[in-house]
Each structure stands twice: as C-alpha cells, then as structure tokens.
Amino acid sequence: MKRFACCVVFLLAVLPSVRAEMNEPRRAVEAGIDLRSVNIGNNWFPIKNLLFPQDGVLVVDFYKMASVLTDGFKIDGTLDATPFFFNINVKKILRLGVSANVTGSFGLTVPRDTLDFLAGYDSDGTASAGAQVYGSAFADLSLSVGTFIRNFGGRAGGDLGITLIPSVFLPLMKVTPGSSIEYTMDRDGVSAMTDISAYVIDYGSVTNLGDAYPLMGFDISFAMEYPLSSKVDIALGVKHIPIRPGTLTKKAALGDGQTNRVSGEDLIAGEVDGLLPDFENIAFETADLQVSRPIEAGLSVSLRPLSWFSLLPSINLVFDEPFFFEYSLGTEIHWKKWISATLSTNYEDRIFVQRLQLGFNLRLLEVDLAVQSSSSNFLRSFLLTGAGFGVAFKFGW
C-alpha cells in the first residue's frame, strides 16, 4: 500500500502543470431545470408499430419471438429529472449547488418458456413460468459543495477537484426483489398466482415537512477529478453512501399468493379481469420497509485529442439487488462554448440506450436537447423498440 501511495505522489509530481477541467461551468450563477431522460420501451416491438399498427392491428408472431428472445420479452422504463437547481461558481475556489431530483425505474420480464408455449413449441401442452417484476422511485434534495486544490502533488501538479454531496431523500415506491407473477398455461386456460411486494409512501399522511421527516433517509456522495494532461481528465466518484435509510409505510395487496384461473374461451375473448389483481382498487396495509438508495462507484475519462473533439468513456458499478454495471462511450464535437453535439452508446439501469444530445449556449440561456432509442437487447436498441427524450433550460450569467 505504501509503495502504491508513493507511486501516486510521484506520478502527480512529474505530470505537467495543467488547469484543465472535465465539466467547466459556463456561468457564475445559474438556475434551471434538467429533464435528463424519460424513457419507455421493450425488446421486440418498434414504437411505430405500437402507435400506428398496420391496418389498425398489431401482429404478434410468437414463433419468431420465441426463437429470437432467449432472455424473454421485456418491458422497461426510466425517469431521471431535476425539476430545479441553483448553482454558484466562484472560479475554482467554490462550487456550490442545490438541486431537487426525481429518479425511478421499472421492468417486467415474460420468460421464454411462455413464448415457447404460445408459439406451440412445447411438447406436453403446458408451460409454467414466472414473470419477474422490479421497480423503485425516489425524490431527493441535494447540496453540492466543491473546490479545487491547486498544484496538487507539487508545483508541477494539476488542480485536484473535490466535491461532497450530502442528500436527504424520500423513497416513493419499491417493488422488492423476487416479486413475480407465477402462472401455468395449458390448453384449457391459464392459472396465475400474483406475489408482488410493492411498497409505497403513505401520501395521505404527508401534508408538510414535519410529516415527511421521519420517512426521509440520508446519504452522501463524493467525487474527485484530476487532469493527467491538458488533453486528459479522469474522475472518480461514489454515490449514495448510506447514513440513514428512508421508510415506506404502506404495502399494496397485490395477490398475496392467491391463485386465479381464466378458461381458454375467456382468454380468447379477451376476458382476463379475473386473472390478475384489481389494480384500480388496490387495498393497502401498514408496513415498515427500510429503504436505502443503491451505492454506485464510477470512473469517467475525458479525452480531448482535438480542440473541438472529445471522447467520453465511463463505467459505473451499481450495488443493487441484483448487482449490475453501467457504461457509456460518447463522442462530442463543439464549437467553442456555444454549440455542442454528443453521440453516445450507453447501458443505463439495465437498458441499452443510443443517445443524441445537442447543446445551444447563448450565455444568459442554455438549452440542451436529447433523443434516444433504447431496449434491453443491444441490437434492438438501434431499432426504436424503446424511445425517450431529454430537455434542459439553464439561466444565468
């Protein structure tokens, strides 16, 4: 460990003196909204076919789905938004910001066994499987405090950026791991057993900040960045280190293991009301679920081989249930600080996303726009089986 620390200090000492910064602010004072991403999709049907089916009929080819979708049919969605933020940037002395944020995701997977049954691939006329369900949503208020240590590692060193972000968050919804809809299909009908553990906040009892405080959780994030040269910056960060969990106080009664059955005739006629829980009249019971946001650890790099061109690779580890990782590989072209365009391929919250972002900075006003195609399948993420958008407005001087 001592040898490693000595090598790091030596490396910082011999690097040329640079003042580059990965995301240099463009205004001393700014406020705005940032709807980074709203996305919904699946891994089979193109969005245009769902919205505008040919002759008004959506054609479903279960034979082809069963042969291609080895991981099953998936539906998913994500939300990442900042309804308000306010930042003060005093050169590299102080970076101060406050933001209100909302994040959420959901997913449903219909396994391949079911597709095989619907396609007629089964040998005995039956199929048993479970549709897996997950989801969560959080709101938070965060304070960001950052500064730069100039000439870190000696006179020849660059400026080390350090940022701390304490947050108070309120869990809004959580579908616990293992939630599923177990079902058996045969030639005579379908039997389904719903066992979804869905917890929500008791919205009726939260009328002011005093009511919400006992339900809030606290965590802290930090990030560091350092210029390895005038053309290369590296950043490390850890998000959502838990201090106190939040609490969800209501559990939705969705099935509770009860088995329902629908005959083949009713299924063909589209009468499936008795198969699944009544989502329009959900009963709730008192609960006490402690929830923390998943810890994330990430590495980002900014490579600037040309003054107008950048490469932006990053990787992020998410310690959720189950554990997964995220990545992004983007290219950015820009004209000074006025216009920018970024094209990136990403894996975010278990979804592949291909994104195009455009930025227009008019000094007092900056507008950022984004469009994206997505899917849980990498190749189909280029085919608009899922779609999303983003928009941000930033005001200041």
Protein backbone atom coordinates (compact mmCIF):
# COMPACT_ATOMS: atom_id res chain seq x y z
CA MET A 1 0.00 0.00 0.00
CA LYS A 2 2.86 2.39 0.86
CA ARG A 3 4.52 1.65 -2.48
CA PHE A 4 1.26 2.40 -4.30
CA ALA A 5 0.85 5.72 -2.45
CA CYS A 6 4.45 6.69 -3.25
CA CYS A 7 3.88 5.91 -6.94
CA VAL A 8 0.74 8.08 -7.00
CA VAL A 9 2.55 11.02 -5.37
CA PHE A 10 5.49 10.65 -7.77
CA LEU A 11 3.15 10.50 -10.79
CA LEU A 12 1.33 13.65 -9.70
CA ALA A 13 4.63 15.41 -9.12
CA VAL A 14 6.10 14.72 -12.55
CA LEU A 15 2.95 15.49 -14.56
CA PRO A 16 3.00 18.82 -16.37
CA SER A 17 1.20 21.71 -14.69
CA VAL A 18 -2.31 21.85 -16.21
CA ARG A 19 -5.57 23.58 -15.38
CA ALA A 20 -7.97 21.52 -17.49
CA GLU A 21 -11.42 20.70 -16.07
CA MET A 22 -13.82 17.96 -17.11
CA ASN A 23 -17.08 19.94 -16.93
CA GLU A 24 -16.17 23.58 -16.64
CA PRO A 25 -19.18 25.73 -15.64
CA ARG A 26 -20.31 28.34 -18.17
CA ARG A 27 -21.93 30.78 -15.74
CA ALA A 28 -21.02 32.18 -12.33
CA VAL A 29 -24.64 31.96 -11.21
CA GLU A 30 -27.24 29.74 -12.84
CA ALA A 31 -30.62 28.16 -12.21
CA GLY A 32 -32.87 25.94 -14.27
CA ILE A 33 -34.50 22.57 -14.85
CA ASP A 34 -32.94 19.43 -16.28
CA LEU A 35 -35.15 16.61 -17.52
CA ARG A 36 -32.22 14.33 -18.37
CA SER A 37 -34.15 11.27 -19.51
CA VAL A 38 -37.69 9.95 -19.80
CA ASN A 39 -37.71 6.55 -21.46
CA ILE A 40 -40.05 3.61 -22.06
CA GLY A 41 -39.53 0.60 -24.27
CA ASN A 42 -39.41 -3.12 -24.85
CA ASN A 43 -37.08 -5.55 -26.62
CA TRP A 44 -39.29 -6.55 -29.55
CA PHE A 45 -41.95 -4.20 -30.91
CA PRO A 46 -40.82 -0.97 -32.63
CA ILE A 47 -42.54 2.06 -31.16
CA LYS A 48 -44.06 2.98 -34.54
CA ASN A 49 -45.79 -0.42 -34.74
CA LEU A 50 -47.32 0.07 -31.30
CA LEU A 51 -48.52 3.59 -32.04
CA PHE A 52 -49.50 3.09 -35.67
CA PRO A 53 -50.16 -0.64 -36.31
CA GLN A 54 -50.73 -1.64 -39.92
CA ASP A 55 -54.46 -1.61 -40.74
CA GLY A 56 -55.10 -0.89 -37.07
CA VAL A 57 -53.98 -4.39 -35.99
CA LEU A 58 -50.79 -5.24 -34.08
CA VAL A 59 -49.44 -8.53 -35.45
CA VAL A 60 -47.69 -10.72 -32.83
CA ASP A 61 -45.50 -13.52 -34.20
CA PHE A 62 -44.88 -15.75 -31.17
CA TYR A 63 -42.87 -18.22 -33.25
CA LYS A 64 -40.32 -15.57 -34.14
CA MET A 65 -40.32 -14.06 -30.65
CA ALA A 66 -39.64 -17.46 -29.06
CA SER A 67 -36.75 -18.17 -31.42
CA VAL A 68 -35.09 -14.76 -31.02
CA LEU A 69 -35.81 -13.62 -27.45
CA THR A 70 -33.76 -16.16 -25.50
CA ASP A 71 -33.99 -13.98 -22.36
CA GLY A 72 -37.74 -13.45 -22.69
CA PHE A 73 -39.90 -10.47 -23.59
CA LYS A 74 -39.11 -7.35 -21.53
CA ILE A 75 -40.85 -4.04 -20.86
CA ASP A 76 -38.98 -1.29 -19.04
CA GLY A 77 -38.95 2.41 -18.27
CA THR A 78 -36.78 5.01 -16.53
CA LEU A 79 -37.04 8.59 -15.26
CA ASP A 80 -34.16 10.90 -14.34
CA ALA A 81 -35.15 14.52 -13.73
CA THR A 82 -34.10 17.64 -11.82
CA PRO A 83 -37.15 19.94 -11.58
CA PHE A 84 -34.99 22.70 -10.06
CA PHE A 85 -31.33 23.50 -9.49
CA PHE A 86 -29.32 26.57 -8.47
CA ASN A 87 -25.52 26.86 -8.71
CA ILE A 88 -22.91 29.41 -7.69
CA ASN A 89 -19.43 29.05 -9.24
CA VAL A 90 -16.63 31.23 -7.84
CA LYS A 91 -13.81 30.31 -10.22
CA LYS A 92 -12.14 27.20 -8.77
CA ILE A 93 -12.46 28.42 -5.20
CA LEU A 94 -16.06 27.37 -4.58
CA ARG A 95 -18.65 25.31 -6.44
CA LEU A 96 -21.94 25.44 -4.56
CA GLY A 97 -25.21 23.95 -5.74
CA VAL A 98 -28.62 22.82 -4.55
CA SER A 99 -30.98 20.60 -6.54
CA ALA A 100 -34.29 18.77 -6.27
CA ASN A 101 -34.29 15.43 -8.10
CA VAL A 102 -36.64 12.59 -9.01
CA THR A 103 -35.46 9.18 -10.27
CA GLY A 104 -37.29 5.95 -10.97
CA SER A 105 -37.29 2.73 -12.98
CA PHE A 106 -39.50 -0.31 -13.57
CA GLY A 107 -39.30 -3.55 -15.52
CA LEU A 108 -41.31 -6.66 -16.39
CA THR A 109 -39.89 -9.83 -17.95
CA VAL A 110 -42.05 -12.55 -19.57
CA PRO A 111 -39.79 -15.65 -19.76
CA ARG A 112 -39.06 -17.64 -22.88
CA ASP A 113 -40.99 -20.67 -21.59
CA THR A 114 -44.19 -18.70 -22.03
CA LEU A 115 -43.22 -17.62 -25.54
CA ASP A 116 -42.47 -21.26 -26.41
CA PHE A 117 -45.94 -22.26 -25.21
CA LEU A 118 -47.67 -19.51 -27.18
CA ALA A 119 -45.63 -20.46 -30.24
CA GLY A 120 -46.60 -24.14 -29.91
CA TYR A 121 -43.04 -25.33 -29.23
CA ASP A 122 -43.96 -27.17 -26.01
CA SER A 123 -44.21 -30.94 -26.09
CA ASP A 124 -46.85 -31.65 -23.42
CA GLY A 125 -49.23 -28.73 -23.93
CA THR A 126 -48.35 -26.93 -20.69
CA ALA A 127 -45.98 -24.17 -19.60
CA SER A 128 -45.11 -22.90 -16.13
CA ALA A 129 -43.03 -19.81 -15.53
CA GLY A 130 -42.85 -16.56 -13.62
CA ALA A 131 -42.91 -13.01 -14.92
CA GLN A 132 -40.33 -11.06 -12.89
CA VAL A 133 -41.16 -7.52 -11.78
CA TYR A 134 -38.97 -4.77 -10.34
CA GLY A 135 -39.30 -1.04 -9.70
CA SER A 136 -38.30 1.86 -7.48
CA ALA A 137 -38.66 5.64 -7.27
CA PHE A 138 -37.00 8.31 -5.11
CA ALA A 139 -37.16 12.07 -4.62
CA ASP A 140 -34.22 13.91 -3.07
CA LEU A 141 -32.85 17.32 -2.16
CA SER A 142 -29.09 17.57 -2.53
CA LEU A 143 -26.43 20.11 -1.59
CA SER A 144 -23.22 20.07 -3.61
CA VAL A 145 -20.04 21.69 -2.24
CA GLY A 146 -16.83 21.58 -4.26
CA THR A 147 -13.42 23.19 -4.58
CA PHE A 148 -10.05 22.67 -6.26
CA ILE A 149 -6.69 22.12 -4.59
CA ARG A 150 -4.28 23.95 -6.83
CA ASN A 151 -0.94 22.40 -7.83
CA PHE A 152 -1.78 19.12 -6.11
CA GLY A 153 1.35 17.00 -5.87
CA GLY A 154 3.74 19.95 -6.11
CA ARG A 155 4.28 23.00 -8.27
CA ALA A 156 4.17 20.94 -11.42
CA GLY A 157 0.90 19.24 -10.44
CA GLY A 158 -2.57 19.94 -11.71
CA ASP A 159 -5.65 21.06 -9.79
CA LEU A 160 -7.43 18.33 -7.84
CA GLY A 161 -11.20 18.81 -7.76
CA ILE A 162 -13.16 17.52 -4.75
CA THR A 163 -16.94 17.56 -4.37
CA LEU A 164 -19.16 16.41 -1.49
CA ILE A 165 -22.91 15.94 -1.99
CA PRO A 166 -24.99 15.27 1.13
CA SER A 167 -28.61 14.38 0.28
CA VAL A 168 -31.90 13.90 2.03
CA PHE A 169 -34.14 11.53 0.08
CA LEU A 170 -37.70 10.31 0.28
CA PRO A 171 -38.49 6.82 -1.10
CA LEU A 172 -41.70 6.93 -3.13
CA MET A 173 -42.07 3.32 -4.25
CA LYS A 174 -40.23 0.00 -4.09
CA VAL A 175 -41.02 -3.39 -5.61
CA THR A 176 -38.84 -5.79 -3.66
CA PRO A 177 -36.59 -8.34 -5.44
CA GLY A 178 -38.30 -11.67 -6.05
CA SER A 179 -41.68 -10.16 -6.87
CA SER A 180 -43.32 -12.11 -9.65
CA ILE A 181 -46.46 -13.39 -11.32
CA GLU A 182 -46.25 -17.20 -11.36
CA TYR A 183 -48.53 -18.86 -13.88
CA THR A 184 -49.35 -22.17 -15.52
CA MET A 185 -50.75 -22.33 -19.04
CA ASP A 186 -52.43 -25.29 -20.69
CA ARG A 187 -54.91 -25.90 -23.47
CA ASP A 188 -57.84 -25.29 -21.14
CA GLY A 189 -56.77 -21.93 -19.76
CA VAL A 190 -54.35 -20.06 -17.53
CA SER A 191 -53.80 -20.10 -13.78
CA ALA A 192 -51.88 -17.20 -12.22
CA MET A 193 -50.53 -16.58 -8.73
CA THR A 194 -49.51 -12.97 -8.14
CA ASP A 195 -46.94 -12.33 -5.43
CA ILE A 196 -45.77 -8.73 -5.84
CA SER A 197 -44.40 -6.95 -2.78
CA ALA A 198 -45.00 -3.31 -3.69
CA TYR A 199 -44.38 -0.68 -1.02
CA VAL A 200 -45.32 3.00 -1.29
CA ILE A 201 -45.27 6.13 0.80
CA ASP A 202 -48.48 6.99 2.63
CA TYR A 203 -49.26 10.11 0.61
CA GLY A 204 -52.40 10.90 2.59
CA SER A 205 -50.48 11.28 5.87
CA VAL A 206 -47.72 13.50 4.46
CA THR A 207 -49.08 17.05 4.37
CA ASN A 208 -45.99 19.00 5.46
CA LEU A 209 -42.25 18.71 6.02
CA GLY A 210 -42.76 17.61 9.62
CA ASP A 211 -44.81 14.62 8.47
CA ALA A 212 -42.24 13.66 5.84
CA TYR A 213 -39.11 13.97 8.02
CA PRO A 214 -39.47 10.60 9.88
CA LEU A 215 -39.75 8.87 6.48
CA MET A 216 -36.68 10.51 4.96
CA GLY A 217 -33.29 8.92 4.52
CA PHE A 218 -29.83 10.46 4.34
CA ASP A 219 -26.80 9.57 2.25
CA ILE A 220 -23.67 11.25 0.95
CA SER A 221 -21.79 11.17 -2.34
CA PHE A 222 -18.33 12.38 -3.27
CA ALA A 223 -16.31 12.84 -6.44
CA MET A 224 -12.73 13.70 -7.36
CA GLU A 225 -11.25 14.74 -10.68
CA TYR A 226 -7.70 15.35 -11.84
CA PRO A 227 -6.11 16.41 -15.15
CA LEU A 228 -3.49 13.90 -16.23
CA SER A 229 -2.54 16.30 -19.02
CA SER A 230 -4.01 19.24 -20.91
CA LYS A 231 -5.93 16.70 -23.02
CA VAL A 232 -6.91 14.05 -20.45
CA ASP A 233 -9.06 14.33 -17.31
CA ILE A 234 -10.05 11.48 -15.01
CA ALA A 235 -12.84 11.46 -12.40
CA LEU A 236 -13.73 9.00 -9.64
CA GLY A 237 -16.92 9.04 -7.61
CA VAL A 238 -19.02 7.11 -5.11
CA LYS A 239 -22.74 7.87 -4.77
CA HIS A 240 -25.34 7.18 -2.09
CA ILE A 241 -23.16 6.08 0.83
CA PRO A 242 -25.95 5.34 3.33
CA ILE A 243 -26.26 7.21 6.61
CA ARG A 244 -29.92 6.58 7.43
CA PRO A 245 -32.49 4.62 5.39
CA GLY A 246 -35.82 6.03 4.33
CA THR A 247 -39.12 4.35 5.20
CA LEU A 248 -42.11 3.18 3.20
CA THR A 249 -45.19 2.72 5.37
CA LYS A 250 -47.77 1.13 3.06
CA LYS A 251 -47.79 -2.24 1.30
CA ALA A 252 -50.08 -2.84 -1.66
CA ALA A 253 -52.00 -6.10 -1.50
CA LEU A 254 -51.25 -7.45 -4.97
CA GLY A 255 -52.27 -11.08 -4.99
CA ASP A 256 -50.65 -12.25 -1.74
CA GLY A 257 -50.15 -15.68 -3.27
CA GLN A 258 -53.78 -16.20 -4.31
CA THR A 259 -54.29 -18.27 -7.46
CA ASN A 260 -56.79 -17.19 -10.11
CA ARG A 261 -57.81 -19.02 -13.29
CA VAL A 262 -59.26 -18.00 -16.62
CA SER A 263 -60.58 -20.50 -19.16
CA GLY A 264 -59.28 -20.73 -22.69
CA GLU A 265 -62.58 -19.39 -24.08
CA ASP A 266 -62.47 -16.31 -21.84
CA LEU A 267 -58.81 -15.79 -22.66
CA ILE A 268 -59.52 -15.82 -26.41
CA ALA A 269 -62.41 -13.41 -25.85
CA GLY A 270 -60.06 -11.05 -24.00
CA GLU A 271 -61.79 -11.51 -20.64
CA VAL A 272 -58.81 -11.61 -18.28
CA ASP A 273 -60.14 -9.44 -15.43
CA GLY A 274 -60.19 -12.38 -13.05
CA LEU A 275 -56.63 -13.44 -13.78
CA LEU A 276 -54.69 -10.53 -12.26
CA PRO A 277 -55.27 -8.37 -9.17
CA ASP A 278 -57.66 -5.44 -9.40
CA PHE A 279 -55.16 -2.64 -9.95
CA GLU A 280 -57.91 0.01 -9.91
CA ASN A 281 -59.00 -0.85 -6.35
CA ILE A 282 -55.80 -1.75 -4.55
CA ALA A 283 -56.03 -2.31 -0.80
CA PHE A 284 -53.11 -1.18 1.37
CA GLU A 285 -51.85 -2.43 4.70
CA THR A 286 -49.49 -0.83 7.21
CA ALA A 287 -45.81 -1.65 6.68
CA ASP A 288 -42.35 -0.53 7.76
CA LEU A 289 -39.84 -1.12 4.95
CA GLN A 290 -36.39 0.46 5.39
CA VAL A 291 -35.01 1.58 2.01
CA SER A 292 -31.61 3.00 1.00
CA ARG A 293 -30.56 4.07 -2.45
CA PRO A 294 -28.09 1.64 -4.08
CA ILE A 295 -24.42 2.55 -3.75
CA GLU A 296 -22.73 3.39 -7.04
CA ALA A 297 -19.00 3.67 -7.83
CA GLY A 298 -17.86 5.13 -11.14
CA LEU A 299 -14.89 6.14 -13.26
CA SER A 300 -15.10 8.75 -16.05
CA VAL A 301 -12.47 9.94 -18.51
CA SER A 302 -12.43 12.93 -20.86
CA LEU A 303 -10.03 12.65 -23.80
CA ARG A 304 -9.55 15.72 -25.99
CA PRO A 305 -7.27 14.82 -28.92
CA LEU A 306 -8.51 17.93 -30.78
CA SER A 307 -9.70 21.27 -29.50
CA TRP A 308 -13.18 20.65 -30.96
CA PHE A 309 -13.48 16.88 -30.39
CA SER A 310 -13.70 14.77 -27.20
CA LEU A 311 -14.05 11.09 -26.30
CA LEU A 312 -16.06 10.40 -23.14
CA PRO A 313 -15.82 6.80 -21.79
CA SER A 314 -17.16 5.88 -18.34
CA ILE A 315 -18.10 2.85 -16.25
CA ASN A 316 -20.32 2.63 -13.18
CA LEU A 317 -20.87 -0.22 -10.69
CA VAL A 318 -24.34 -0.37 -9.09
CA PHE A 319 -24.63 -2.38 -5.86
CA ASP A 320 -28.32 -3.14 -6.16
CA GLU A 321 -30.32 -6.39 -6.00
CA PRO A 322 -29.11 -7.81 -8.28
CA PHE A 323 -25.74 -6.14 -8.81
CA PHE A 324 -25.15 -4.70 -12.29
CA PHE A 325 -22.81 -2.31 -14.06
CA GLU A 326 -23.36 0.60 -16.43
CA TYR A 327 -21.18 2.08 -19.14
CA SER A 328 -21.11 4.93 -21.60
CA LEU A 329 -18.95 5.68 -24.64
CA GLY A 330 -19.58 9.07 -26.17
CA THR A 331 -18.06 11.41 -28.73
CA GLU A 332 -18.57 15.16 -28.53
CA ILE A 333 -17.94 17.87 -31.09
CA HIS A 334 -18.29 21.51 -30.15
CA TRP A 335 -17.75 24.98 -31.50
CA LYS A 336 -16.09 26.96 -28.72
CA LYS A 337 -18.61 27.02 -25.86
CA TRP A 338 -21.64 27.89 -27.97
CA ILE A 339 -22.78 24.72 -29.74
CA SER A 340 -22.15 21.06 -28.96
CA ALA A 341 -23.32 17.66 -30.22
CA THR A 342 -22.79 14.37 -28.39
CA LEU A 343 -23.45 10.89 -29.74
CA SER A 344 -23.18 8.07 -27.21
CA THR A 345 -23.90 4.38 -26.66
CA ASN A 346 -24.89 3.55 -23.09
CA TYR A 347 -26.03 0.83 -20.73
CA GLU A 348 -28.13 2.50 -18.02
CA ASP A 349 -30.25 0.85 -15.34
CA ARG A 350 -30.21 -2.49 -17.23
CA ILE A 351 -31.23 -0.84 -20.52
CA PHE A 352 -29.14 -0.19 -23.66
CA VAL A 353 -29.56 3.40 -24.82
CA GLN A 354 -28.34 5.11 -28.01
CA ARG A 355 -28.50 8.87 -27.45
CA LEU A 356 -28.00 12.08 -29.43
CA GLN A 357 -27.63 15.31 -27.44
CA LEU A 358 -27.48 18.88 -28.75
CA GLY A 359 -26.50 21.91 -26.69
CA PHE A 360 -27.01 25.60 -27.51
CA ASN A 361 -25.36 28.06 -25.14
CA LEU A 362 -26.42 31.69 -25.57
CA ARG A 363 -24.66 32.76 -22.37
CA LEU A 364 -27.74 34.01 -20.50
CA LEU A 365 -29.72 30.98 -21.68
CA GLU A 366 -28.59 27.45 -22.45
CA VAL A 367 -30.87 24.82 -23.99
CA ASP A 368 -29.93 21.13 -24.11
CA LEU A 369 -31.98 18.61 -26.11
CA ALA A 370 -31.70 14.82 -26.31
CA VAL A 371 -33.41 11.99 -28.19
CA GLN A 372 -32.73 8.30 -27.69
CA SER A 373 -33.55 4.80 -28.81
CA SER A 374 -33.46 2.01 -26.23
CA SER A 375 -34.04 -1.66 -25.47
CA SER A 376 -32.93 -4.36 -23.04
CA ASN A 377 -31.42 -6.00 -26.16
CA PHE A 378 -28.33 -4.27 -27.54
CA LEU A 379 -29.04 -4.74 -31.26
CA ARG A 380 -32.69 -3.77 -30.91
CA SER A 381 -31.72 -0.60 -29.04
CA PHE A 382 -30.87 0.79 -32.50
CA LEU A 383 -34.35 -0.06 -33.86
CA LEU A 384 -36.57 2.24 -31.75
CA THR A 385 -38.21 -0.56 -29.76
CA GLY A 386 -37.95 1.98 -26.97
CA ALA A 387 -37.72 5.75 -27.13
CA GLY A 388 -37.05 8.67 -24.84
CA PHE A 389 -36.14 12.30 -24.69
CA GLY A 390 -34.44 14.88 -22.51
CA VAL A 391 -34.51 18.67 -22.25
CA ALA A 392 -32.80 21.22 -20.01
CA PHE A 393 -33.08 25.01 -19.62
CA LYS A 394 -30.32 26.86 -17.78
CA PHE A 395 -30.44 30.58 -16.99
CA GLY A 396 -27.73 32.79 -15.51
CA TRP A 397 -24.69 34.97 -16.18
